[in-house]
Amino acid sequence: INHACMLLKSTDMSISETAEKCGFDNVNYFSRLFKKRMGITPS
């Protein structure tokens, strides 16, 4: 999730590409975990 935060702020990767780069196979699972830990959606 910390790595995803960096990618979301510093690149133009899509949410699904960001999830894959961070080791998540499922973008929906990634989005749920991200919101649970960060209190906000990736977008």
PDB file of all heavy atoms in Angstrom:
ATOM      1  N   ILE A   1       0.839  -1.204   0.000  1.00  0.00           N
ATOM      2  CA  ILE A   1       0.000   0.000   0.000  1.00  0.00           C
ATOM      3  C   ILE A   1       0.874   1.255   0.000  1.00  0.00           C
ATOM      4  O   ILE A   1       0.581   2.233  -0.699  1.00  0.00           O
ATOM      5  CB  ILE A   1      -0.960  -0.001   1.207  1.00  0.00           C
ATOM      6  CG1 ILE A   1      -1.955  -1.171   1.110  1.00  0.00           C
ATOM      7  CG2 ILE A   1      -1.703   1.323   1.308  1.00  0.00           C
ATOM      8  CD1 ILE A   1      -2.863  -1.127  -0.105  1.00  0.00           C
ATOM      9  N   ASN A   2       1.946   1.244   0.784  1.00  0.00           N
ATOM     10  CA  ASN A   2       2.862   2.393   0.792  1.00  0.00           C
ATOM     11  C   ASN A   2       3.477   2.622  -0.585  1.00  0.00           C
ATOM     12  O   ASN A   2       3.633   3.764  -1.033  1.00  0.00           O
ATOM     13  CB  ASN A   2       3.964   2.168   1.825  1.00  0.00           C
ATOM     14  CG  ASN A   2       3.469   2.266   3.252  1.00  0.00           C
ATOM     15  OD1 ASN A   2       2.427   2.867   3.512  1.00  0.00           O
ATOM     16  ND2 ASN A   2       4.196   1.681   4.179  1.00  0.00           N
ATOM     17  N   HIS A   3       3.824   1.527  -1.253  1.00  0.00           N
ATOM     18  CA  HIS A   3       4.381   1.640  -2.604  1.00  0.00           C
ATOM     19  C   HIS A   3       3.317   2.176  -3.570  1.00  0.00           C
ATOM     20  O   HIS A   3       3.624   2.998  -4.445  1.00  0.00           O
ATOM     21  CB  HIS A   3       4.877   0.275  -3.071  1.00  0.00           C
ATOM     22  CG  HIS A   3       5.652   0.306  -4.348  1.00  0.00           C
ATOM     23  ND1 HIS A   3       6.766   1.091  -4.532  1.00  0.00           N
ATOM     24  CD2 HIS A   3       5.466  -0.357  -5.528  1.00  0.00           C
ATOM     25  CE1 HIS A   3       7.240   0.925  -5.755  1.00  0.00           C
ATOM     26  NE2 HIS A   3       6.466   0.057  -6.384  1.00  0.00           N
ATOM     27  N   ALA A   4       2.087   1.727  -3.402  1.00  0.00           N
ATOM     28  CA  ALA A   4       0.997   2.210  -4.250  1.00  0.00           C
ATOM     29  C   ALA A   4       0.795   3.708  -4.071  1.00  0.00           C
ATOM     30  O   ALA A   4       0.559   4.432  -5.050  1.00  0.00           O
ATOM     31  CB  ALA A   4      -0.286   1.459  -3.913  1.00  0.00           C
ATOM     32  N   CYS A   5       0.893   4.184  -2.840  1.00  0.00           N
ATOM     33  CA  CYS A   5       0.758   5.622  -2.582  1.00  0.00           C
ATOM     34  C   CYS A   5       1.796   6.413  -3.376  1.00  0.00           C
ATOM     35  O   CYS A   5       1.483   7.454  -3.971  1.00  0.00           O
ATOM     36  CB  CYS A   5       0.911   5.904  -1.092  1.00  0.00           C
ATOM     37  SG  CYS A   5      -0.475   5.352  -0.078  1.00  0.00           S
ATOM     38  N   MET A   6       3.013   5.918  -3.377  1.00  0.00           N
ATOM     39  CA  MET A   6       4.077   6.598  -4.123  1.00  0.00           C
ATOM     40  C   MET A   6       3.781   6.600  -5.617  1.00  0.00           C
ATOM     41  O   MET A   6       3.908   7.628  -6.292  1.00  0.00           O
ATOM     42  CB  MET A   6       5.418   5.901  -3.837  1.00  0.00           C
ATOM     43  CG  MET A   6       6.623   6.558  -4.494  1.00  0.00           C
ATOM     44  SD  MET A   6       6.918   6.026  -6.205  1.00  0.00           S
ATOM     45  CE  MET A   6       7.345   4.294  -5.957  1.00  0.00           C
ATOM     46  N   LEU A   7       3.336   5.450  -6.164  1.00  0.00           N
ATOM     47  CA  LEU A   7       3.052   5.357  -7.597  1.00  0.00           C
ATOM     48  C   LEU A   7       1.874   6.241  -7.995  1.00  0.00           C
ATOM     49  O   LEU A   7       1.888   6.868  -9.062  1.00  0.00           O
ATOM     50  CB  LEU A   7       2.776   3.906  -7.978  1.00  0.00           C
ATOM     51  CG  LEU A   7       3.956   2.934  -7.881  1.00  0.00           C
ATOM     52  CD1 LEU A   7       3.506   1.515  -8.240  1.00  0.00           C
ATOM     53  CD2 LEU A   7       5.099   3.365  -8.801  1.00  0.00           C
ATOM     54  N   LEU A   8       0.856   6.288  -7.154  1.00  0.00           N
ATOM     55  CA  LEU A   8      -0.329   7.089  -7.470  1.00  0.00           C
ATOM     56  C   LEU A   8       0.009   8.580  -7.553  1.00  0.00           C
ATOM     57  O   LEU A   8      -0.579   9.320  -8.348  1.00  0.00           O
ATOM     58  CB  LEU A   8      -1.418   6.856  -6.423  1.00  0.00           C
ATOM     59  CG  LEU A   8      -2.111   5.492  -6.480  1.00  0.00           C
ATOM     60  CD1 LEU A   8      -2.934   5.257  -5.225  1.00  0.00           C
ATOM     61  CD2 LEU A   8      -2.986   5.369  -7.728  1.00  0.00           C
ATOM     62  N   LYS A   9       0.944   9.022  -6.736  1.00  0.00           N
ATOM     63  CA  LYS A   9       1.314  10.440  -6.714  1.00  0.00           C
ATOM     64  C   LYS A   9       2.366  10.797  -7.756  1.00  0.00           C
ATOM     65  O   LYS A   9       2.448  11.948  -8.190  1.00  0.00           O
ATOM     66  CB  LYS A   9       1.826  10.819  -5.317  1.00  0.00           C
ATOM     67  CG  LYS A   9       0.767  10.836  -4.234  1.00  0.00           C
ATOM     68  CD  LYS A   9      -0.253  11.941  -4.445  1.00  0.00           C
ATOM     69  CE  LYS A   9      -1.164  12.095  -3.238  1.00  0.00           C
ATOM     70  NZ  LYS A   9      -2.183  13.156  -3.428  1.00  0.00           N
ATOM     71  N   SER A  10       3.179   9.817  -8.166  1.00  0.00           N
ATOM     72  CA  SER A  10       4.341  10.147  -8.999  1.00  0.00           C
ATOM     73  C   SER A  10       4.257   9.635 -10.432  1.00  0.00           C
ATOM     74  O   SER A  10       5.145   9.926 -11.238  1.00  0.00           O
ATOM     75  CB  SER A  10       5.615   9.600  -8.343  1.00  0.00           C
ATOM     76  OG  SER A  10       5.568   8.195  -8.236  1.00  0.00           O
ATOM     77  N   THR A  11       3.210   8.860 -10.757  1.00  0.00           N
ATOM     78  CA  THR A  11       3.079   8.322 -12.117  1.00  0.00           C
ATOM     79  C   THR A  11       1.661   8.525 -12.637  1.00  0.00           C
ATOM     80  O   THR A  11       0.763   8.906 -11.881  1.00  0.00           O
ATOM     81  CB  THR A  11       3.410   6.810 -12.160  1.00  0.00           C
ATOM     82  OG1 THR A  11       2.320   6.074 -11.588  1.00  0.00           O
ATOM     83  CG2 THR A  11       4.690   6.493 -11.412  1.00  0.00           C
ATOM     84  N   ASP A  12       1.485   8.242 -13.926  1.00  0.00           N
ATOM     85  CA  ASP A  12       0.155   8.306 -14.546  1.00  0.00           C
ATOM     86  C   ASP A  12      -0.433   6.915 -14.760  1.00  0.00           C
ATOM     87  O   ASP A  12      -1.367   6.746 -15.557  1.00  0.00           O
ATOM     88  CB  ASP A  12       0.244   9.037 -15.896  1.00  0.00           C
ATOM     89  CG  ASP A  12       0.628  10.493 -15.734  1.00  0.00           C
ATOM     90  OD1 ASP A  12       0.195  11.103 -14.730  1.00  0.00           O
ATOM     91  OD2 ASP A  12       1.372  11.012 -16.590  1.00  0.00           O
ATOM     92  N   MET A  13       0.101   5.919 -14.083  1.00  0.00           N
ATOM     93  CA  MET A  13      -0.423   4.561 -14.226  1.00  0.00           C
ATOM     94  C   MET A  13      -1.894   4.508 -13.843  1.00  0.00           C
ATOM     95  O   MET A  13      -2.336   5.212 -12.931  1.00  0.00           O
ATOM     96  CB  MET A  13       0.331   3.592 -13.302  1.00  0.00           C
ATOM     97  CG  MET A  13       1.749   3.272 -13.699  1.00  0.00           C
ATOM     98  SD  MET A  13       2.444   2.073 -12.527  1.00  0.00           S
ATOM     99  CE  MET A  13       4.141   2.052 -13.092  1.00  0.00           C
ATOM    100  N   SER A  14      -2.633   3.645 -14.536  1.00  0.00           N
ATOM    101  CA  SER A  14      -4.026   3.416 -14.161  1.00  0.00           C
ATOM    102  C   SER A  14      -4.071   2.706 -12.806  1.00  0.00           C
ATOM    103  O   SER A  14      -3.057   2.180 -12.329  1.00  0.00           O
ATOM    104  CB  SER A  14      -4.722   2.553 -15.212  1.00  0.00           C
ATOM    105  OG  SER A  14      -4.174   1.241 -15.213  1.00  0.00           O
ATOM    106  N   ILE A  15      -5.247   2.669 -12.197  1.00  0.00           N
ATOM    107  CA  ILE A  15      -5.400   1.996 -10.903  1.00  0.00           C
ATOM    108  C   ILE A  15      -5.084   0.509 -11.033  1.00  0.00           C
ATOM    109  O   ILE A  15      -4.407  -0.068 -10.173  1.00  0.00           O
ATOM    110  CB  ILE A  15      -6.826   2.181 -10.347  1.00  0.00           C
ATOM    111  CG1 ILE A  15      -7.168   3.679 -10.205  1.00  0.00           C
ATOM    112  CG2 ILE A  15      -6.973   1.484  -9.003  1.00  0.00           C
ATOM    113  CD1 ILE A  15      -6.234   4.452  -9.320  1.00  0.00           C
ATOM    114  N   SER A  16      -5.519  -0.098 -12.119  1.00  0.00           N
ATOM    115  CA  SER A  16      -5.250  -1.530 -12.311  1.00  0.00           C
ATOM    116  C   SER A  16      -3.753  -1.788 -12.521  1.00  0.00           C
ATOM    117  O   SER A  16      -3.204  -2.767 -12.009  1.00  0.00           O
ATOM    118  CB  SER A  16      -6.052  -2.073 -13.492  1.00  0.00           C
ATOM    119  OG  SER A  16      -5.720  -1.391 -14.685  1.00  0.00           O
ATOM    120  N   GLU A  17      -3.078  -0.902 -13.260  1.00  0.00           N
ATOM    121  CA  GLU A  17      -1.636  -1.048 -13.449  1.00  0.00           C
ATOM    122  C   GLU A  17      -0.888  -0.870 -12.128  1.00  0.00           C
ATOM    123  O   GLU A  17       0.067  -1.596 -11.825  1.00  0.00           O
ATOM    124  CB  GLU A  17      -1.133  -0.029 -14.474  1.00  0.00           C
ATOM    125  CG  GLU A  17      -1.519  -0.326 -15.912  1.00  0.00           C
ATOM    126  CD  GLU A  17      -1.094   0.788 -16.847  1.00  0.00           C
ATOM    127  OE1 GLU A  17      -1.210   1.975 -16.462  1.00  0.00           O
ATOM    128  OE2 GLU A  17      -0.630   0.472 -17.950  1.00  0.00           O
ATOM    129  N   THR A  18      -1.349   0.081 -11.340  1.00  0.00           N
ATOM    130  CA  THR A  18      -0.732   0.314 -10.030  1.00  0.00           C
ATOM    131  C   THR A  18      -0.896  -0.910  -9.146  1.00  0.00           C
ATOM    132  O   THR A  18       0.052  -1.342  -8.482  1.00  0.00           O
ATOM    133  CB  THR A  18      -1.372   1.538  -9.349  1.00  0.00           C
ATOM    134  OG1 THR A  18      -1.173   2.689 -10.163  1.00  0.00           O
ATOM    135  CG2 THR A  18      -0.773   1.767  -7.973  1.00  0.00           C
ATOM    136  N   ALA A  19      -2.088  -1.479  -9.148  1.00  0.00           N
ATOM    137  CA  ALA A  19      -2.331  -2.673  -8.343  1.00  0.00           C
ATOM    138  C   ALA A  19      -1.395  -3.804  -8.748  1.00  0.00           C
ATOM    139  O   ALA A  19      -0.793  -4.467  -7.901  1.00  0.00           O
ATOM    140  CB  ALA A  19      -3.785  -3.109  -8.495  1.00  0.00           C
ATOM    141  N   GLU A  20      -1.255  -4.005 -10.049  1.00  0.00           N
ATOM    142  CA  GLU A  20      -0.391  -5.079 -10.543  1.00  0.00           C
ATOM    143  C   GLU A  20       1.070  -4.827 -10.165  1.00  0.00           C
ATOM    144  O   GLU A  20       1.785  -5.751  -9.753  1.00  0.00           O
ATOM    145  CB  GLU A  20      -0.526  -5.196 -12.054  1.00  0.00           C
ATOM    146  CG  GLU A  20       0.248  -6.354 -12.652  1.00  0.00           C
ATOM    147  CD  GLU A  20       0.056  -6.477 -14.156  1.00  0.00           C
ATOM    148  OE1 GLU A  20      -0.736  -5.685 -14.721  1.00  0.00           O
ATOM    149  OE2 GLU A  20       0.695  -7.361 -14.758  1.00  0.00           O
ATOM    150  N   LYS A  21       1.523  -3.585 -10.304  1.00  0.00           N
ATOM    151  CA  LYS A  21       2.897  -3.245  -9.971  1.00  0.00           C
ATOM    152  C   LYS A  21       3.207  -3.466  -8.492  1.00  0.00           C
ATOM    153  O   LYS A  21       4.349  -3.686  -8.100  1.00  0.00           O
ATOM    154  CB  LYS A  21       3.188  -1.781 -10.315  1.00  0.00           C
ATOM    155  CG  LYS A  21       3.437  -1.513 -11.785  1.00  0.00           C
ATOM    156  CD  LYS A  21       4.819  -2.018 -12.193  1.00  0.00           C
ATOM    157  CE  LYS A  21       5.128  -1.643 -13.626  1.00  0.00           C
ATOM    158  NZ  LYS A  21       6.470  -2.166 -14.049  1.00  0.00           N
ATOM    159  N   CYS A  22       2.165  -3.399  -7.674  1.00  0.00           N
ATOM    160  CA  CYS A  22       2.346  -3.548  -6.231  1.00  0.00           C
ATOM    161  C   CYS A  22       2.106  -4.979  -5.750  1.00  0.00           C
ATOM    162  O   CYS A  22       2.154  -5.239  -4.542  1.00  0.00           O
ATOM    163  CB  CYS A  22       1.421  -2.590  -5.484  1.00  0.00           C
ATOM    164  SG  CYS A  22       1.835  -0.850  -5.769  1.00  0.00           S
ATOM    165  N   GLY A  23       1.855  -5.889  -6.665  1.00  0.00           N
ATOM    166  CA  GLY A  23       1.718  -7.293  -6.287  1.00  0.00           C
ATOM    167  C   GLY A  23       0.301  -7.785  -6.091  1.00  0.00           C
ATOM    168  O   GLY A  23       0.093  -8.896  -5.591  1.00  0.00           O
ATOM    169  N   PHE A  24      -0.705  -6.986  -6.495  1.00  0.00           N
ATOM    170  CA  PHE A  24      -2.104  -7.394  -6.355  1.00  0.00           C
ATOM    171  C   PHE A  24      -2.631  -7.907  -7.695  1.00  0.00           C
ATOM    172  O   PHE A  24      -2.548  -7.208  -8.707  1.00  0.00           O
ATOM    173  CB  PHE A  24      -2.965  -6.211  -5.891  1.00  0.00           C
ATOM    174  CG  PHE A  24      -2.647  -5.736  -4.502  1.00  0.00           C
ATOM    175  CD1 PHE A  24      -1.856  -4.601  -4.306  1.00  0.00           C
ATOM    176  CD2 PHE A  24      -3.130  -6.407  -3.395  1.00  0.00           C
ATOM    177  CE1 PHE A  24      -1.562  -4.149  -3.036  1.00  0.00           C
ATOM    178  CE2 PHE A  24      -2.845  -5.957  -2.104  1.00  0.00           C
ATOM    179  CZ  PHE A  24      -2.054  -4.827  -1.926  1.00  0.00           C
ATOM    180  N   ASP A  25      -3.187  -9.104  -7.695  1.00  0.00           N
ATOM    181  CA  ASP A  25      -3.746  -9.685  -8.923  1.00  0.00           C
ATOM    182  C   ASP A  25      -5.142  -9.152  -9.230  1.00  0.00           C
ATOM    183  O   ASP A  25      -5.581  -9.147 -10.376  1.00  0.00           O
ATOM    184  CB  ASP A  25      -3.818 -11.220  -8.808  1.00  0.00           C
ATOM    185  CG  ASP A  25      -2.425 -11.835  -8.725  1.00  0.00           C
ATOM    186  OD1 ASP A  25      -1.488 -11.245  -9.290  1.00  0.00           O
ATOM    187  OD2 ASP A  25      -2.283 -12.894  -8.094  1.00  0.00           O
ATOM    188  N   ASN A  26      -5.835  -8.697  -8.181  1.00  0.00           N
ATOM    189  CA  ASN A  26      -7.223  -8.274  -8.317  1.00  0.00           C
ATOM    190  C   ASN A  26      -7.339  -6.802  -7.945  1.00  0.00           C
ATOM    191  O   ASN A  26      -7.073  -6.420  -6.800  1.00  0.00           O
ATOM    192  CB  ASN A  26      -8.110  -9.146  -7.418  1.00  0.00           C
ATOM    193  CG  ASN A  26      -9.589  -8.877  -7.617  1.00  0.00           C
ATOM    194  OD1 ASN A  26     -10.049  -7.755  -7.453  1.00  0.00           O
ATOM    195  ND2 ASN A  26     -10.329  -9.919  -7.974  1.00  0.00           N
ATOM    196  N   VAL A  27      -7.753  -5.964  -8.910  1.00  0.00           N
ATOM    197  CA  VAL A  27      -7.815  -4.533  -8.659  1.00  0.00           C
ATOM    198  C   VAL A  27      -8.891  -4.186  -7.637  1.00  0.00           C
ATOM    199  O   VAL A  27      -8.741  -3.241  -6.848  1.00  0.00           O
ATOM    200  CB  VAL A  27      -8.033  -3.753  -9.979  1.00  0.00           C
ATOM    201  CG1 VAL A  27      -9.403  -4.058 -10.567  1.00  0.00           C
ATOM    202  CG2 VAL A  27      -7.847  -2.253  -9.750  1.00  0.00           C
ATOM    203  N   ASN A  28      -9.991  -4.939  -7.608  1.00  0.00           N
ATOM    204  CA  ASN A  28     -11.039  -4.665  -6.626  1.00  0.00           C
ATOM    205  C   ASN A  28     -10.554  -4.952  -5.200  1.00  0.00           C
ATOM    206  O   ASN A  28     -10.851  -4.201  -4.264  1.00  0.00           O
ATOM    207  CB  ASN A  28     -12.286  -5.495  -6.938  1.00  0.00           C
ATOM    208  CG  ASN A  28     -12.960  -5.058  -8.224  1.00  0.00           C
ATOM    209  OD1 ASN A  28     -12.976  -3.870  -8.563  1.00  0.00           O
ATOM    210  ND2 ASN A  28     -13.516  -6.009  -8.963  1.00  0.00           N
ATOM    211  N   TYR A  29      -9.820  -6.052  -5.053  1.00  0.00           N
ATOM    212  CA  TYR A  29      -9.247  -6.392  -3.745  1.00  0.00           C
ATOM    213  C   TYR A  29      -8.253  -5.312  -3.312  1.00  0.00           C
ATOM    214  O   TYR A  29      -8.247  -4.878  -2.158  1.00  0.00           O
ATOM    215  CB  TYR A  29      -8.561  -7.753  -3.829  1.00  0.00           C
ATOM    216  CG  TYR A  29      -7.851  -8.193  -2.582  1.00  0.00           C
ATOM    217  CD1 TYR A  29      -8.543  -8.375  -1.388  1.00  0.00           C
ATOM    218  CD2 TYR A  29      -6.476  -8.424  -2.592  1.00  0.00           C
ATOM    219  CE1 TYR A  29      -7.890  -8.775  -0.229  1.00  0.00           C
ATOM    220  CE2 TYR A  29      -5.808  -8.832  -1.447  1.00  0.00           C
ATOM    221  CZ  TYR A  29      -6.522  -9.004  -0.267  1.00  0.00           C
ATOM    222  OH  TYR A  29      -5.865  -9.413   0.871  1.00  0.00           O
ATOM    223  N   PHE A  30      -7.438  -4.860  -4.249  1.00  0.00           N
ATOM    224  CA  PHE A  30      -6.494  -3.779  -3.970  1.00  0.00           C
ATOM    225  C   PHE A  30      -7.219  -2.527  -3.512  1.00  0.00           C
ATOM    226  O   PHE A  30      -6.834  -1.894  -2.511  1.00  0.00           O
ATOM    227  CB  PHE A  30      -5.669  -3.480  -5.230  1.00  0.00           C
ATOM    228  CG  PHE A  30      -4.984  -2.132  -5.202  1.00  0.00           C
ATOM    229  CD1 PHE A  30      -3.930  -1.883  -4.338  1.00  0.00           C
ATOM    230  CD2 PHE A  30      -5.401  -1.118  -6.066  1.00  0.00           C
ATOM    231  CE1 PHE A  30      -3.308  -0.636  -4.320  1.00  0.00           C
ATOM    232  CE2 PHE A  30      -4.774   0.121  -6.046  1.00  0.00           C
ATOM    233  CZ  PHE A  30      -3.727   0.372  -5.173  1.00  0.00           C
ATOM    234  N   SER A  31      -8.272  -2.153  -4.207  1.00  0.00           N
ATOM    235  CA  SER A  31      -9.010  -0.929  -3.867  1.00  0.00           C
ATOM    236  C   SER A  31      -9.643  -1.022  -2.483  1.00  0.00           C
ATOM    237  O   SER A  31      -9.642  -0.038  -1.725  1.00  0.00           O
ATOM    238  CB  SER A  31     -10.085  -0.657  -4.926  1.00  0.00           C
ATOM    239  OG  SER A  31      -9.493  -0.394  -6.184  1.00  0.00           O
ATOM    240  N   ARG A  32     -10.163  -2.213  -2.147  1.00  0.00           N
ATOM    241  CA  ARG A  32     -10.766  -2.383  -0.822  1.00  0.00           C
ATOM    242  C   ARG A  32      -9.713  -2.256   0.276  1.00  0.00           C
ATOM    243  O   ARG A  32      -9.928  -1.576   1.285  1.00  0.00           O
ATOM    244  CB  ARG A  32     -11.455  -3.750  -0.718  1.00  0.00           C
ATOM    245  CG  ARG A  32     -12.757  -3.864  -1.499  1.00  0.00           C
ATOM    246  CD  ARG A  32     -13.579  -5.046  -1.014  1.00  0.00           C
ATOM    247  NE  ARG A  32     -12.857  -6.310  -1.096  1.00  0.00           N
ATOM    248  CZ  ARG A  32     -12.828  -7.094  -2.180  1.00  0.00           C
ATOM    249  NH1 ARG A  32     -13.497  -6.720  -3.271  1.00  0.00           N
ATOM    250  NH2 ARG A  32     -12.159  -8.229  -2.167  1.00  0.00           N
ATOM    251  N   LEU A  33      -8.566  -2.905   0.087  1.00  0.00           N
ATOM    252  CA  LEU A  33      -7.496  -2.823   1.088  1.00  0.00           C
ATOM    253  C   LEU A  33      -6.960  -1.400   1.210  1.00  0.00           C
ATOM    254  O   LEU A  33      -6.683  -0.918   2.313  1.00  0.00           O
ATOM    255  CB  LEU A  33      -6.354  -3.766   0.709  1.00  0.00           C
ATOM    256  CG  LEU A  33      -6.539  -5.251   0.985  1.00  0.00           C
ATOM    257  CD1 LEU A  33      -5.342  -6.038   0.491  1.00  0.00           C
ATOM    258  CD2 LEU A  33      -6.757  -5.510   2.469  1.00  0.00           C
ATOM    259  N   PHE A  34      -6.811  -0.736   0.067  1.00  0.00           N
ATOM    260  CA  PHE A  34      -6.284   0.625   0.068  1.00  0.00           C
ATOM    261  C   PHE A  34      -7.210   1.542   0.872  1.00  0.00           C
ATOM    262  O   PHE A  34      -6.751   2.307   1.731  1.00  0.00           O
ATOM    263  CB  PHE A  34      -6.147   1.142  -1.363  1.00  0.00           C
ATOM    264  CG  PHE A  34      -5.390   2.431  -1.463  1.00  0.00           C
ATOM    265  CD1 PHE A  34      -4.035   2.424  -1.785  1.00  0.00           C
ATOM    266  CD2 PHE A  34      -6.001   3.663  -1.258  1.00  0.00           C
ATOM    267  CE1 PHE A  34      -3.318   3.612  -1.875  1.00  0.00           C
ATOM    268  CE2 PHE A  34      -5.302   4.849  -1.339  1.00  0.00           C
ATOM    269  CZ  PHE A  34      -3.952   4.827  -1.651  1.00  0.00           C
ATOM    270  N   LYS A  35      -8.511   1.448   0.627  1.00  0.00           N
ATOM    271  CA  LYS A  35      -9.453   2.309   1.336  1.00  0.00           C
ATOM    272  C   LYS A  35      -9.490   1.979   2.826  1.00  0.00           C
ATOM    273  O   LYS A  35      -9.601   2.874   3.678  1.00  0.00           O
ATOM    274  CB  LYS A  35     -10.856   2.176   0.736  1.00  0.00           C
ATOM    275  CG  LYS A  35     -11.857   3.156   1.359  1.00  0.00           C
ATOM    276  CD  LYS A  35     -13.194   3.128   0.651  1.00  0.00           C
ATOM    277  CE  LYS A  35     -14.130   4.160   1.276  1.00  0.00           C
ATOM    278  NZ  LYS A  35     -15.453   4.180   0.611  1.00  0.00           N
ATOM    279  N   LYS A  36      -9.376   0.689   3.159  1.00  0.00           N
ATOM    280  CA  LYS A  36      -9.400   0.276   4.563  1.00  0.00           C
ATOM    281  C   LYS A  36      -8.215   0.869   5.322  1.00  0.00           C
ATOM    282  O   LYS A  36      -8.351   1.317   6.468  1.00  0.00           O
ATOM    283  CB  LYS A  36      -9.356  -1.252   4.653  1.00  0.00           C
ATOM    284  CG  LYS A  36      -9.392  -1.794   6.076  1.00  0.00           C
ATOM    285  CD  LYS A  36      -9.377  -3.312   6.078  1.00  0.00           C
ATOM    286  CE  LYS A  36      -9.388  -3.859   7.497  1.00  0.00           C
ATOM    287  NZ  LYS A  36      -9.360  -5.349   7.519  1.00  0.00           N
ATOM    288  N   ARG A  37      -7.042   0.908   4.686  1.00  0.00           N
ATOM    289  CA  ARG A  37      -5.840   1.395   5.361  1.00  0.00           C
ATOM    290  C   ARG A  37      -5.663   2.901   5.262  1.00  0.00           C
ATOM    291  O   ARG A  37      -5.136   3.536   6.166  1.00  0.00           O
ATOM    292  CB  ARG A  37      -4.587   0.691   4.810  1.00  0.00           C
ATOM    293  CG  ARG A  37      -4.392  -0.686   5.419  1.00  0.00           C
ATOM    294  CD  ARG A  37      -3.375  -1.509   4.669  1.00  0.00           C
ATOM    295  NE  ARG A  37      -2.977  -2.687   5.422  1.00  0.00           N
ATOM    296  CZ  ARG A  37      -3.742  -3.739   5.646  1.00  0.00           C
ATOM    297  NH1 ARG A  37      -4.980  -3.762   5.165  1.00  0.00           N
ATOM    298  NH2 ARG A  37      -3.305  -4.762   6.356  1.00  0.00           N
ATOM    299  N   MET A  38      -6.072   3.486   4.137  1.00  0.00           N
ATOM    300  CA  MET A  38      -5.831   4.907   3.910  1.00  0.00           C
ATOM    301  C   MET A  38      -7.064   5.775   4.142  1.00  0.00           C
ATOM    302  O   MET A  38      -6.965   7.004   4.193  1.00  0.00           O
ATOM    303  CB  MET A  38      -5.313   5.126   2.482  1.00  0.00           C
ATOM    304  CG  MET A  38      -4.045   4.356   2.131  1.00  0.00           C
ATOM    305  SD  MET A  38      -2.663   4.755   3.218  1.00  0.00           S
ATOM    306  CE  MET A  38      -2.430   6.492   2.865  1.00  0.00           C
ATOM    307  N   GLY A  39      -8.238   5.152   4.244  1.00  0.00           N
ATOM    308  CA  GLY A  39      -9.465   5.906   4.479  1.00  0.00           C
ATOM    309  C   GLY A  39      -9.987   6.627   3.254  1.00  0.00           C
ATOM    310  O   GLY A  39     -10.852   7.510   3.368  1.00  0.00           O
ATOM    311  N   ILE A  40      -9.463   6.274   2.086  1.00  0.00           N
ATOM    312  CA  ILE A  40      -9.854   6.921   0.839  1.00  0.00           C
ATOM    313  C   ILE A  40      -9.553   5.957  -0.304  1.00  0.00           C
ATOM    314  O   ILE A  40      -8.694   5.083  -0.181  1.00  0.00           O
ATOM    315  CB  ILE A  40      -9.073   8.248   0.659  1.00  0.00           C
ATOM    316  CG1 ILE A  40      -9.648   9.092  -0.464  1.00  0.00           C
ATOM    317  CG2 ILE A  40      -7.583   7.988   0.459  1.00  0.00           C
ATOM    318  CD1 ILE A  40      -9.045  10.491  -0.543  1.00  0.00           C
ATOM    319  N   THR A  41     -10.267   6.099  -1.416  1.00  0.00           N
ATOM    320  CA  THR A  41     -10.029   5.221  -2.558  1.00  0.00           C
ATOM    321  C   THR A  41      -8.716   5.603  -3.248  1.00  0.00           C
ATOM    322  O   THR A  41      -8.220   6.730  -3.078  1.00  0.00           O
ATOM    323  CB  THR A  41     -11.161   5.336  -3.580  1.00  0.00           C
ATOM    324  OG1 THR A  41     -11.168   6.681  -4.101  1.00  0.00           O
ATOM    325  CG2 THR A  41     -12.509   5.008  -2.956  1.00  0.00           C
ATOM    326  N   PRO A  42      -8.128   4.689  -4.039  1.00  0.00           N
ATOM    327  CA  PRO A  42      -6.914   5.045  -4.775  1.00  0.00           C
ATOM    328  C   PRO A  42      -7.084   6.264  -5.676  1.00  0.00           C
ATOM    329  O   PRO A  42      -6.208   7.134  -5.728  1.00  0.00           O
ATOM    330  CB  PRO A  42      -6.619   3.779  -5.590  1.00  0.00           C
ATOM    331  CG  PRO A  42      -7.228   2.674  -4.805  1.00  0.00           C
ATOM    332  CD  PRO A  42      -8.463   3.254  -4.193  1.00  0.00           C
ATOM    333  N   SER A  43      -8.211   6.333  -6.375  1.00  0.00           N
ATOM    334  CA  SER A  43      -8.427   7.490  -7.253  1.00  0.00           C
ATOM    335  C   SER A  43      -8.591   8.770  -6.446  1.00  0.00           C
ATOM    336  O   SER A  43      -8.117   9.840  -6.849  1.00  0.00           O
ATOM    337  CB  SER A  43      -9.654   7.254  -8.146  1.00  0.00           C
ATOM    338  OG  SER A  43     -10.809   7.018  -7.354  1.00  0.00           O
TER     339      SER A  43
END
